[in-house]
PDB file of all heavy atoms in Angstrom:
ATOM      1  N   ALA A   1    -232.823 112.057  69.329  1.00  0.00           N
ATOM      2  CA  ALA A   1    -232.708 110.751  68.631  1.00  0.00           C
ATOM      3  C   ALA A   1    -231.543 110.707  67.733  1.00  0.00           C
ATOM      4  O   ALA A   1    -230.763 109.701  67.612  1.00  0.00           O
ATOM      5  CB  ALA A   1    -233.993 110.480  67.836  1.00  0.00           C
ATOM      6  N   GLU A   2    -231.225 111.881  67.089  1.00  0.00           N
ATOM      7  CA  GLU A   2    -230.103 111.966  66.125  1.00  0.00           C
ATOM      8  C   GLU A   2    -228.804 111.953  66.923  1.00  0.00           C
ATOM      9  O   GLU A   2    -227.878 111.253  66.516  1.00  0.00           O
ATOM     10  CB  GLU A   2    -230.194 113.258  65.337  1.00  0.00           C
ATOM     11  CG  GLU A   2    -229.128 113.422  64.256  1.00  0.00           C
ATOM     12  CD  GLU A   2    -229.279 114.686  63.472  1.00  0.00           C
ATOM     13  OE1 GLU A   2    -229.497 115.718  64.089  1.00  0.00           O
ATOM     14  OE2 GLU A   2    -229.224 114.673  62.252  1.00  0.00           O
ATOM     15  N   THR A   3    -228.735 112.686  68.047  1.00  0.00           N
ATOM     16  CA  THR A   3    -227.525 112.735  68.855  1.00  0.00           C
ATOM     17  C   THR A   3    -227.117 111.353  69.366  1.00  0.00           C
ATOM     18  O   THR A   3    -225.968 110.996  69.351  1.00  0.00           O
ATOM     19  CB  THR A   3    -227.740 113.686  70.033  1.00  0.00           C
ATOM     20  OG1 THR A   3    -228.052 114.972  69.564  1.00  0.00           O
ATOM     21  CG2 THR A   3    -226.482 113.751  70.916  1.00  0.00           C
ATOM     22  N   TRP A   4    -228.125 110.578  69.752  1.00  0.00           N
ATOM     23  CA  TRP A   4    -227.831 109.257  70.312  1.00  0.00           C
ATOM     24  C   TRP A   4    -227.872 108.164  69.277  1.00  0.00           C
ATOM     25  O   TRP A   4    -227.848 106.986  69.598  1.00  0.00           O
ATOM     26  CB  TRP A   4    -228.862 108.939  71.432  1.00  0.00           C
ATOM     27  CG  TRP A   4    -228.513 109.707  72.648  1.00  0.00           C
ATOM     28  CD1 TRP A   4    -229.058 110.887  73.025  1.00  0.00           C
ATOM     29  CD2 TRP A   4    -227.513 109.378  73.666  1.00  0.00           C
ATOM     30  NE1 TRP A   4    -228.470 111.341  74.204  1.00  0.00           N
ATOM     31  CE2 TRP A   4    -227.546 110.412  74.571  1.00  0.00           C
ATOM     32  CE3 TRP A   4    -226.651 108.316  73.810  1.00  0.00           C
ATOM     33  CZ2 TRP A   4    -226.675 110.443  75.704  1.00  0.00           C
ATOM     34  CZ3 TRP A   4    -225.838 108.302  74.905  1.00  0.00           C
ATOM     35  CH2 TRP A   4    -225.862 109.318  75.831  1.00  0.00           C
ATOM     36  N   ASP A   5    -227.905 108.587  68.005  1.00  0.00           N
ATOM     37  CA  ASP A   5    -227.863 107.670  66.857  1.00  0.00           C
ATOM     38  C   ASP A   5    -228.980 106.641  67.003  1.00  0.00           C
ATOM     39  O   ASP A   5    -228.788 105.398  66.763  1.00  0.00           O
ATOM     40  CB  ASP A   5    -226.545 106.935  66.830  1.00  0.00           C
ATOM     41  CG  ASP A   5    -226.311 106.238  65.507  1.00  0.00           C
ATOM     42  OD1 ASP A   5    -226.953 106.644  64.518  1.00  0.00           O
ATOM     43  OD2 ASP A   5    -225.514 105.266  65.450  1.00  0.00           O
ATOM     44  N   LYS A   6    -230.171 107.107  67.427  1.00  0.00           N
ATOM     45  CA  LYS A   6    -231.296 106.248  67.582  1.00  0.00           C
ATOM     46  C   LYS A   6    -232.042 106.121  66.226  1.00  0.00           C
ATOM     47  O   LYS A   6    -233.074 106.729  66.017  1.00  0.00           O
ATOM     48  CB  LYS A   6    -232.252 106.705  68.653  1.00  0.00           C
ATOM     49  CG  LYS A   6    -231.691 106.620  70.103  1.00  0.00           C
ATOM     50  CD  LYS A   6    -231.679 105.217  70.535  1.00  0.00           C
ATOM     51  CE  LYS A   6    -231.317 105.088  71.985  1.00  0.00           C
ATOM     52  NZ  LYS A   6    -231.286 103.738  72.442  1.00  0.00           N
ATOM     53  N   MET A   7    -231.475 105.407  65.278  1.00  0.00           N
ATOM     54  CA  MET A   7    -232.044 105.306  63.949  1.00  0.00           C
ATOM     55  C   MET A   7    -233.434 104.649  63.970  1.00  0.00           C
ATOM     56  O   MET A   7    -234.340 105.051  63.235  1.00  0.00           O
ATOM     57  CB  MET A   7    -231.146 104.536  63.026  1.00  0.00           C
ATOM     58  CG  MET A   7    -229.756 105.163  62.845  1.00  0.00           C
ATOM     59  SD  MET A   7    -229.832 106.887  62.351  1.00  0.00           S
ATOM     60  CE  MET A   7    -230.607 106.731  60.760  1.00  0.00           C
ATOM     61  N   ASP A   8    -233.626 103.692  64.874  1.00  0.00           N
ATOM     62  CA  ASP A   8    -234.943 103.044  65.008  1.00  0.00           C
ATOM     63  C   ASP A   8    -235.969 104.033  65.487  1.00  0.00           C
ATOM     64  O   ASP A   8    -237.156 104.089  64.982  1.00  0.00           O
ATOM     65  CB  ASP A   8    -234.913 101.868  65.949  1.00  0.00           C
ATOM     66  CG  ASP A   8    -234.136 100.681  65.367  1.00  0.00           C
ATOM     67  OD1 ASP A   8    -233.973 100.673  64.181  1.00  0.00           O
ATOM     68  OD2 ASP A   8    -233.798  99.773  66.135  1.00  0.00           O
ATOM     69  N   SER A   9    -235.615 104.882  66.477  1.00  0.00           N
ATOM     70  CA  SER A   9    -236.515 105.875  67.003  1.00  0.00           C
ATOM     71  C   SER A   9    -236.820 106.894  65.927  1.00  0.00           C
ATOM     72  O   SER A   9    -237.979 107.358  65.767  1.00  0.00           O
ATOM     73  CB  SER A   9    -235.917 106.569  68.225  1.00  0.00           C
ATOM     74  OG  SER A   9    -235.730 105.610  69.276  1.00  0.00           O
ATOM     75  N   LEU A  10    -235.815 107.359  65.166  1.00  0.00           N
ATOM     76  CA  LEU A  10    -236.047 108.315  64.084  1.00  0.00           C
ATOM     77  C   LEU A  10    -237.019 107.780  63.046  1.00  0.00           C
ATOM     78  O   LEU A  10    -237.901 108.415  62.577  1.00  0.00           O
ATOM     79  CB  LEU A  10    -234.695 108.686  63.449  1.00  0.00           C
ATOM     80  CG  LEU A  10    -233.801 109.671  64.222  1.00  0.00           C
ATOM     81  CD1 LEU A  10    -232.434 109.712  63.552  1.00  0.00           C
ATOM     82  CD2 LEU A  10    -234.448 111.071  64.248  1.00  0.00           C
ATOM     83  N   SER A  11    -236.813 106.477  62.667  1.00  0.00           N
ATOM     84  CA  SER A  11    -237.624 105.865  61.740  1.00  0.00           C
ATOM     85  C   SER A  11    -239.057 105.764  62.207  1.00  0.00           C
ATOM     86  O   SER A  11    -239.985 106.021  61.445  1.00  0.00           O
ATOM     87  CB  SER A  11    -237.090 104.415  61.395  1.00  0.00           C
ATOM     88  OG  SER A  11    -237.941 103.779  60.510  1.00  0.00           O
ATOM     89  N   ARG A  12    -239.241 105.378  63.551  1.00  0.00           N
ATOM     90  CA  ARG A  12    -240.566 105.240  64.031  1.00  0.00           C
ATOM     91  C   ARG A  12    -241.263 106.617  64.120  1.00  0.00           C
ATOM     92  O   ARG A  12    -242.488 106.762  63.802  1.00  0.00           O
ATOM     93  CB  ARG A  12    -240.504 104.674  65.451  1.00  0.00           C
ATOM     94  CG  ARG A  12    -240.138 103.201  65.534  1.00  0.00           C
ATOM     95  CD  ARG A  12    -240.334 102.609  66.849  1.00  0.00           C
ATOM     96  NE  ARG A  12    -239.843 101.255  66.948  1.00  0.00           N
ATOM     97  CZ  ARG A  12    -238.716 100.870  67.554  1.00  0.00           C
ATOM     98  NH1 ARG A  12    -237.974 101.829  68.157  1.00  0.00           N
ATOM     99  NH2 ARG A  12    -238.300  99.641  67.566  1.00  0.00           N
ATOM    100  N   LEU A  13    -240.470 107.615  64.462  1.00  0.00           N
ATOM    101  CA  LEU A  13    -241.011 108.991  64.525  1.00  0.00           C
ATOM    102  C   LEU A  13    -241.541 109.456  63.152  1.00  0.00           C
ATOM    103  O   LEU A  13    -242.624 110.041  62.985  1.00  0.00           O
ATOM    104  CB  LEU A  13    -239.999 109.970  65.054  1.00  0.00           C
ATOM    105  CG  LEU A  13    -239.807 109.994  66.588  1.00  0.00           C
ATOM    106  CD1 LEU A  13    -238.545 110.860  66.923  1.00  0.00           C
ATOM    107  CD2 LEU A  13    -240.995 110.543  67.282  1.00  0.00           C
ATOM    108  N   GLN A  14    -240.726 109.153  62.098  1.00  0.00           N
ATOM    109  CA  GLN A  14    -241.103 109.581  60.778  1.00  0.00           C
ATOM    110  C   GLN A  14    -242.282 108.769  60.256  1.00  0.00           C
ATOM    111  O   GLN A  14    -243.073 109.270  59.424  1.00  0.00           O
ATOM    112  CB  GLN A  14    -239.884 109.492  59.804  1.00  0.00           C
ATOM    113  CG  GLN A  14    -238.833 110.580  60.167  1.00  0.00           C
ATOM    114  CD  GLN A  14    -237.606 110.441  59.313  1.00  0.00           C
ATOM    115  OE1 GLN A  14    -237.171 109.335  59.082  1.00  0.00           O
ATOM    116  NE2 GLN A  14    -237.084 111.536  58.855  1.00  0.00           N
ATOM    117  N   ASP A  15    -242.366 107.513  60.676  1.00  0.00           N
ATOM    118  CA  ASP A  15    -243.543 106.675  60.295  1.00  0.00           C
ATOM    119  C   ASP A  15    -244.795 107.189  60.892  1.00  0.00           C
ATOM    120  O   ASP A  15    -245.878 107.245  60.249  1.00  0.00           O
ATOM    121  CB  ASP A  15    -243.301 105.236  60.647  1.00  0.00           C
ATOM    122  CG  ASP A  15    -242.258 104.571  59.812  1.00  0.00           C
ATOM    123  OD1 ASP A  15    -241.938 105.095  58.713  1.00  0.00           O
ATOM    124  OD2 ASP A  15    -241.710 103.494  60.205  1.00  0.00           O
ATOM    125  N   ILE A  16    -244.699 107.590  62.193  1.00  0.00           N
ATOM    126  CA  ILE A  16    -245.875 108.005  62.946  1.00  0.00           C
ATOM    127  C   ILE A  16    -246.294 109.446  62.544  1.00  0.00           C
ATOM    128  O   ILE A  16    -247.444 109.740  62.411  1.00  0.00           O
ATOM    129  CB  ILE A  16    -245.623 107.988  64.461  1.00  0.00           C
ATOM    130  CG1 ILE A  16    -245.346 106.535  64.926  1.00  0.00           C
ATOM    131  CG2 ILE A  16    -246.763 108.478  65.232  1.00  0.00           C
ATOM    132  CD1 ILE A  16    -244.871 106.434  66.283  1.00  0.00           C
ATOM    133  N   PHE A  17    -245.266 110.317  62.350  1.00  0.00           N
ATOM    134  CA  PHE A  17    -245.500 111.703  62.076  1.00  0.00           C
ATOM    135  C   PHE A  17    -244.773 112.156  60.817  1.00  0.00           C
ATOM    136  O   PHE A  17    -243.740 112.860  60.867  1.00  0.00           O
ATOM    137  CB  PHE A  17    -245.069 112.623  63.253  1.00  0.00           C
ATOM    138  CG  PHE A  17    -245.632 112.201  64.529  1.00  0.00           C
ATOM    139  CD1 PHE A  17    -244.862 111.519  65.472  1.00  0.00           C
ATOM    140  CD2 PHE A  17    -246.978 112.432  64.860  1.00  0.00           C
ATOM    141  CE1 PHE A  17    -245.363 111.149  66.705  1.00  0.00           C
ATOM    142  CE2 PHE A  17    -247.454 112.039  66.104  1.00  0.00           C
ATOM    143  CZ  PHE A  17    -246.673 111.414  67.015  1.00  0.00           C
ATOM    144  N   PRO A  18    -245.219 111.704  59.640  1.00  0.00           N
ATOM    145  CA  PRO A  18    -244.488 112.010  58.380  1.00  0.00           C
ATOM    146  C   PRO A  18    -244.474 113.449  58.055  1.00  0.00           C
ATOM    147  O   PRO A  18    -243.552 113.881  57.323  1.00  0.00           O
ATOM    148  CB  PRO A  18    -245.328 111.210  57.305  1.00  0.00           C
ATOM    149  CG  PRO A  18    -246.689 111.060  57.939  1.00  0.00           C
ATOM    150  CD  PRO A  18    -246.471 110.878  59.426  1.00  0.00           C
ATOM    151  N   HIS A  19    -245.367 114.253  58.608  1.00  0.00           N
ATOM    152  CA  HIS A  19    -245.386 115.700  58.312  1.00  0.00           C
ATOM    153  C   HIS A  19    -244.353 116.462  59.148  1.00  0.00           C
ATOM    154  O   HIS A  19    -244.120 117.635  58.832  1.00  0.00           O
ATOM    155  CB  HIS A  19    -246.792 116.252  58.584  1.00  0.00           C
ATOM    156  CG  HIS A  19    -247.217 116.098  59.997  1.00  0.00           C
ATOM    157  ND1 HIS A  19    -247.648 114.885  60.480  1.00  0.00           N
ATOM    158  CD2 HIS A  19    -247.243 116.998  61.078  1.00  0.00           C
ATOM    159  CE1 HIS A  19    -247.935 115.053  61.790  1.00  0.00           C
ATOM    160  NE2 HIS A  19    -247.701 116.303  62.157  1.00  0.00           N
ATOM    161  N   VAL A  20    -243.763 115.776  60.146  1.00  0.00           N
ATOM    162  CA  VAL A  20    -242.776 116.476  60.989  1.00  0.00           C
ATOM    163  C   VAL A  20    -241.404 116.081  60.474  1.00  0.00           C
ATOM    164  O   VAL A  20    -241.002 114.954  60.429  1.00  0.00           O
ATOM    165  CB  VAL A  20    -242.835 116.026  62.464  1.00  0.00           C
ATOM    166  CG1 VAL A  20    -241.841 116.746  63.288  1.00  0.00           C
ATOM    167  CG2 VAL A  20    -244.277 116.364  62.953  1.00  0.00           C
ATOM    168  N   SER A  21    -240.600 117.087  60.040  1.00  0.00           N
ATOM    169  CA  SER A  21    -239.273 116.796  59.514  1.00  0.00           C
ATOM    170  C   SER A  21    -238.222 116.940  60.533  1.00  0.00           C
ATOM    171  O   SER A  21    -238.297 117.805  61.415  1.00  0.00           O
ATOM    172  CB  SER A  21    -238.970 117.800  58.352  1.00  0.00           C
ATOM    173  OG  SER A  21    -239.979 117.693  57.313  1.00  0.00           O
ATOM    174  N   PRO A  22    -237.188 116.085  60.492  1.00  0.00           N
ATOM    175  CA  PRO A  22    -236.072 116.189  61.436  1.00  0.00           C
ATOM    176  C   PRO A  22    -235.409 117.559  61.209  1.00  0.00           C
ATOM    177  O   PRO A  22    -235.387 118.102  60.148  1.00  0.00           O
ATOM    178  CB  PRO A  22    -235.173 115.017  61.063  1.00  0.00           C
ATOM    179  CG  PRO A  22    -236.035 114.086  60.290  1.00  0.00           C
ATOM    180  CD  PRO A  22    -237.038 114.937  59.586  1.00  0.00           C
ATOM    181  N   PRO A  23    -234.761 118.063  62.248  1.00  0.00           N
ATOM    182  CA  PRO A  23    -234.106 119.390  62.126  1.00  0.00           C
ATOM    183  C   PRO A  23    -232.880 119.246  61.288  1.00  0.00           C
ATOM    184  O   PRO A  23    -232.362 118.146  61.027  1.00  0.00           O
ATOM    185  CB  PRO A  23    -233.729 119.696  63.613  1.00  0.00           C
ATOM    186  CG  PRO A  23    -233.590 118.360  64.219  1.00  0.00           C
ATOM    187  CD  PRO A  23    -234.618 117.487  63.556  1.00  0.00           C
ATOM    188  N   GLU A  24    -232.428 120.376  60.764  1.00  0.00           N
ATOM    189  CA  GLU A  24    -231.173 120.413  59.999  1.00  0.00           C
ATOM    190  C   GLU A  24    -230.014 120.094  60.882  1.00  0.00           C
ATOM    191  O   GLU A  24    -230.091 120.196  62.101  1.00  0.00           O
ATOM    192  CB  GLU A  24    -231.006 121.803  59.335  1.00  0.00           C
ATOM    193  CG  GLU A  24    -232.076 122.152  58.364  1.00  0.00           C
ATOM    194  CD  GLU A  24    -231.814 123.543  57.764  1.00  0.00           C
ATOM    195  OE1 GLU A  24    -230.834 124.169  58.120  1.00  0.00           O
ATOM    196  OE2 GLU A  24    -232.664 123.964  56.933  1.00  0.00           O
ATOM    197  N   SER A  25    -228.959 119.630  60.334  1.00  0.00           N
ATOM    198  CA  SER A  25    -227.743 119.330  61.121  1.00  0.00           C
ATOM    199  C   SER A  25    -227.350 120.490  61.971  1.00  0.00           C
ATOM    200  O   SER A  25    -227.399 121.655  61.575  1.00  0.00           O
ATOM    201  CB  SER A  25    -226.571 118.939  60.198  1.00  0.00           C
ATOM    202  OG  SER A  25    -226.965 117.801  59.434  1.00  0.00           O
ATOM    203  N   LEU A  26    -226.907 120.169  63.160  1.00  0.00           N
ATOM    204  CA  LEU A  26    -226.528 121.177  64.151  1.00  0.00           C
ATOM    205  C   LEU A  26    -225.124 121.690  63.891  1.00  0.00           C
ATOM    206  O   LEU A  26    -224.287 120.882  63.429  1.00  0.00           O
ATOM    207  CB  LEU A  26    -226.599 120.584  65.560  1.00  0.00           C
ATOM    208  CG  LEU A  26    -227.917 119.936  65.920  1.00  0.00           C
ATOM    209  CD1 LEU A  26    -227.807 119.345  67.337  1.00  0.00           C
ATOM    210  CD2 LEU A  26    -229.029 120.954  65.957  1.00  0.00           C
ATOM    211  N   ASN A  27    -224.888 122.977  64.122  1.00  0.00           N
ATOM    212  CA  ASN A  27    -223.515 123.412  63.985  1.00  0.00           C
ATOM    213  C   ASN A  27    -222.709 122.869  65.150  1.00  0.00           C
ATOM    214  O   ASN A  27    -223.246 122.415  66.132  1.00  0.00           O
ATOM    215  CB  ASN A  27    -223.433 124.956  63.912  1.00  0.00           C
ATOM    216  CG  ASN A  27    -223.950 125.580  65.192  1.00  0.00           C
ATOM    217  OD1 ASN A  27    -223.538 125.282  66.271  1.00  0.00           O
ATOM    218  ND2 ASN A  27    -224.915 126.502  65.016  1.00  0.00           N
ATOM    219  N   ASN A  28    -221.420 122.841  65.052  1.00  0.00           N
ATOM    220  CA  ASN A  28    -220.534 122.161  65.963  1.00  0.00           C
ATOM    221  C   ASN A  28    -220.733 122.702  67.367  1.00  0.00           C
ATOM    222  O   ASN A  28    -220.818 121.966  68.317  1.00  0.00           O
ATOM    223  CB  ASN A  28    -219.064 122.323  65.609  1.00  0.00           C
ATOM    224  CG  ASN A  28    -218.726 121.524  64.301  1.00  0.00           C
ATOM    225  OD1 ASN A  28    -219.456 120.569  64.016  1.00  0.00           O
ATOM    226  ND2 ASN A  28    -217.741 121.932  63.622  1.00  0.00           N
ATOM    227  N   ARG A  29    -220.822 124.006  67.546  1.00  0.00           N
ATOM    228  CA  ARG A  29    -220.883 124.638  68.895  1.00  0.00           C
ATOM    229  C   ARG A  29    -222.180 124.241  69.537  1.00  0.00           C
ATOM    230  O   ARG A  29    -222.230 123.738  70.665  1.00  0.00           O
ATOM    231  CB  ARG A  29    -220.757 126.117  68.786  1.00  0.00           C
ATOM    232  CG  ARG A  29    -220.788 126.806  70.129  1.00  0.00           C
ATOM    233  CD  ARG A  29    -220.603 128.358  69.961  1.00  0.00           C
ATOM    234  NE  ARG A  29    -220.735 128.974  71.287  1.00  0.00           N
ATOM    235  CZ  ARG A  29    -220.680 130.295  71.386  1.00  0.00           C
ATOM    236  NH1 ARG A  29    -220.454 131.067  70.330  1.00  0.00           N
ATOM    237  NH2 ARG A  29    -220.772 130.863  72.574  1.00  0.00           N
ATOM    238  N   PHE A  30    -223.318 124.430  68.823  1.00  0.00           N
ATOM    239  CA  PHE A  30    -224.622 124.135  69.416  1.00  0.00           C
ATOM    240  C   PHE A  30    -224.823 122.637  69.599  1.00  0.00           C
ATOM    241  O   PHE A  30    -225.351 122.167  70.550  1.00  0.00           O
ATOM    242  CB  PHE A  30    -225.691 124.681  68.514  1.00  0.00           C
ATOM    243  CG  PHE A  30    -227.105 124.418  69.068  1.00  0.00           C
ATOM    244  CD1 PHE A  30    -227.571 125.279  70.110  1.00  0.00           C
ATOM    245  CD2 PHE A  30    -227.850 123.385  68.608  1.00  0.00           C
ATOM    246  CE1 PHE A  30    -228.858 125.012  70.595  1.00  0.00           C
ATOM    247  CE2 PHE A  30    -229.129 123.163  69.136  1.00  0.00           C
ATOM    248  CZ  PHE A  30    -229.664 123.991  70.142  1.00  0.00           C
ATOM    249  N   GLY A  31    -224.290 121.857  68.608  1.00  0.00           N
ATOM    250  CA  GLY A  31    -224.406 120.427  68.664  1.00  0.00           C
ATOM    251  C   GLY A  31    -223.678 119.868  69.928  1.00  0.00           C
ATOM    252  O   GLY A  31    -224.199 119.021  70.601  1.00  0.00           O
ATOM    253  N   LEU A  32    -222.522 120.437  70.205  1.00  0.00           N
ATOM    254  CA  LEU A  32    -221.781 119.964  71.416  1.00  0.00           C
ATOM    255  C   LEU A  32    -222.559 120.287  72.683  1.00  0.00           C
ATOM    256  O   LEU A  32    -222.637 119.460  73.578  1.00  0.00           O
ATOM    257  CB  LEU A  32    -220.383 120.574  71.419  1.00  0.00           C
ATOM    258  CG  LEU A  32    -219.478 120.151  72.614  1.00  0.00           C
ATOM    259  CD1 LEU A  32    -219.259 118.637  72.551  1.00  0.00           C
ATOM    260  CD2 LEU A  32    -218.128 120.912  72.524  1.00  0.00           C
ATOM    261  N   ALA A  33    -223.065 121.462  72.702  1.00  0.00           N
ATOM    262  CA  ALA A  33    -223.812 121.899  73.939  1.00  0.00           C
ATOM    263  C   ALA A  33    -225.051 121.029  74.071  1.00  0.00           C
ATOM    264  O   ALA A  33    -225.391 120.590  75.161  1.00  0.00           O
ATOM    265  CB  ALA A  33    -224.201 123.383  73.851  1.00  0.00           C
ATOM    266  N   PHE A  34    -225.749 120.752  72.971  1.00  0.00           N
ATOM    267  CA  PHE A  34    -226.953 119.974  73.021  1.00  0.00           C
ATOM    268  C   PHE A  34    -226.660 118.560  73.405  1.00  0.00           C
ATOM    269  O   PHE A  34    -227.379 117.935  74.223  1.00  0.00           O
ATOM    270  CB  PHE A  34    -227.648 119.991  71.721  1.00  0.00           C
ATOM    271  CG  PHE A  34    -228.929 119.146  71.714  1.00  0.00           C
ATOM    272  CD1 PHE A  34    -230.089 119.621  72.247  1.00  0.00           C
ATOM    273  CD2 PHE A  34    -228.913 117.854  71.186  1.00  0.00           C
ATOM    274  CE1 PHE A  34    -231.207 118.836  72.289  1.00  0.00           C
ATOM    275  CE2 PHE A  34    -230.031 117.109  71.200  1.00  0.00           C
ATOM    276  CZ  PHE A  34    -231.209 117.591  71.746  1.00  0.00           C
ATOM    277  N   ALA A  35    -225.595 118.003  72.879  1.00  0.00           N
ATOM    278  CA  ALA A  35    -225.231 116.606  73.228  1.00  0.00           C
ATOM    279  C   ALA A  35    -224.959 116.512  74.748  1.00  0.00           C
ATOM    280  O   ALA A  35    -225.360 115.523  75.350  1.00  0.00           O
ATOM    281  CB  ALA A  35    -223.951 116.231  72.456  1.00  0.00           C
ATOM    282  N   SER A  36    -224.299 117.486  75.301  1.00  0.00           N
ATOM    283  CA  SER A  36    -224.063 117.426  76.818  1.00  0.00           C
ATOM    284  C   SER A  36    -225.351 117.429  77.513  1.00  0.00           C
ATOM    285  O   SER A  36    -225.498 116.748  78.466  1.00  0.00           O
ATOM    286  CB  SER A  36    -223.190 118.623  77.198  1.00  0.00           C
ATOM    287  OG  SER A  36    -221.903 118.544  76.538  1.00  0.00           O
ATOM    288  N   ALA A  37    -226.283 118.367  77.081  1.00  0.00           N
ATOM    289  CA  ALA A  37    -227.527 118.440  77.745  1.00  0.00           C
ATOM    290  C   ALA A  37    -228.357 117.201  77.596  1.00  0.00           C
ATOM    291  O   ALA A  37    -228.973 116.683  78.534  1.00  0.00           O
ATOM    292  CB  ALA A  37    -228.322 119.698  77.273  1.00  0.00           C
ATOM    293  N   ALA A  38    -228.325 116.665  76.438  1.00  0.00           N
ATOM    294  CA  ALA A  38    -229.044 115.445  76.062  1.00  0.00           C
ATOM    295  C   ALA A  38    -228.508 114.282  76.898  1.00  0.00           C
ATOM    296  O   ALA A  38    -229.281 113.471  77.429  1.00  0.00           O
ATOM    297  CB  ALA A  38    -228.991 115.138  74.585  1.00  0.00           C
TER     298      ALA A  38
END
């Protein structure tokens, strides 16, 4: 959701599951690999 800038989805997720926290920002290397896979 963060990679695709889905702010609405992030907001809905946090509304539905307030106890689940979003992950910390990804480092550049892992973030790039994850973005490709996503």
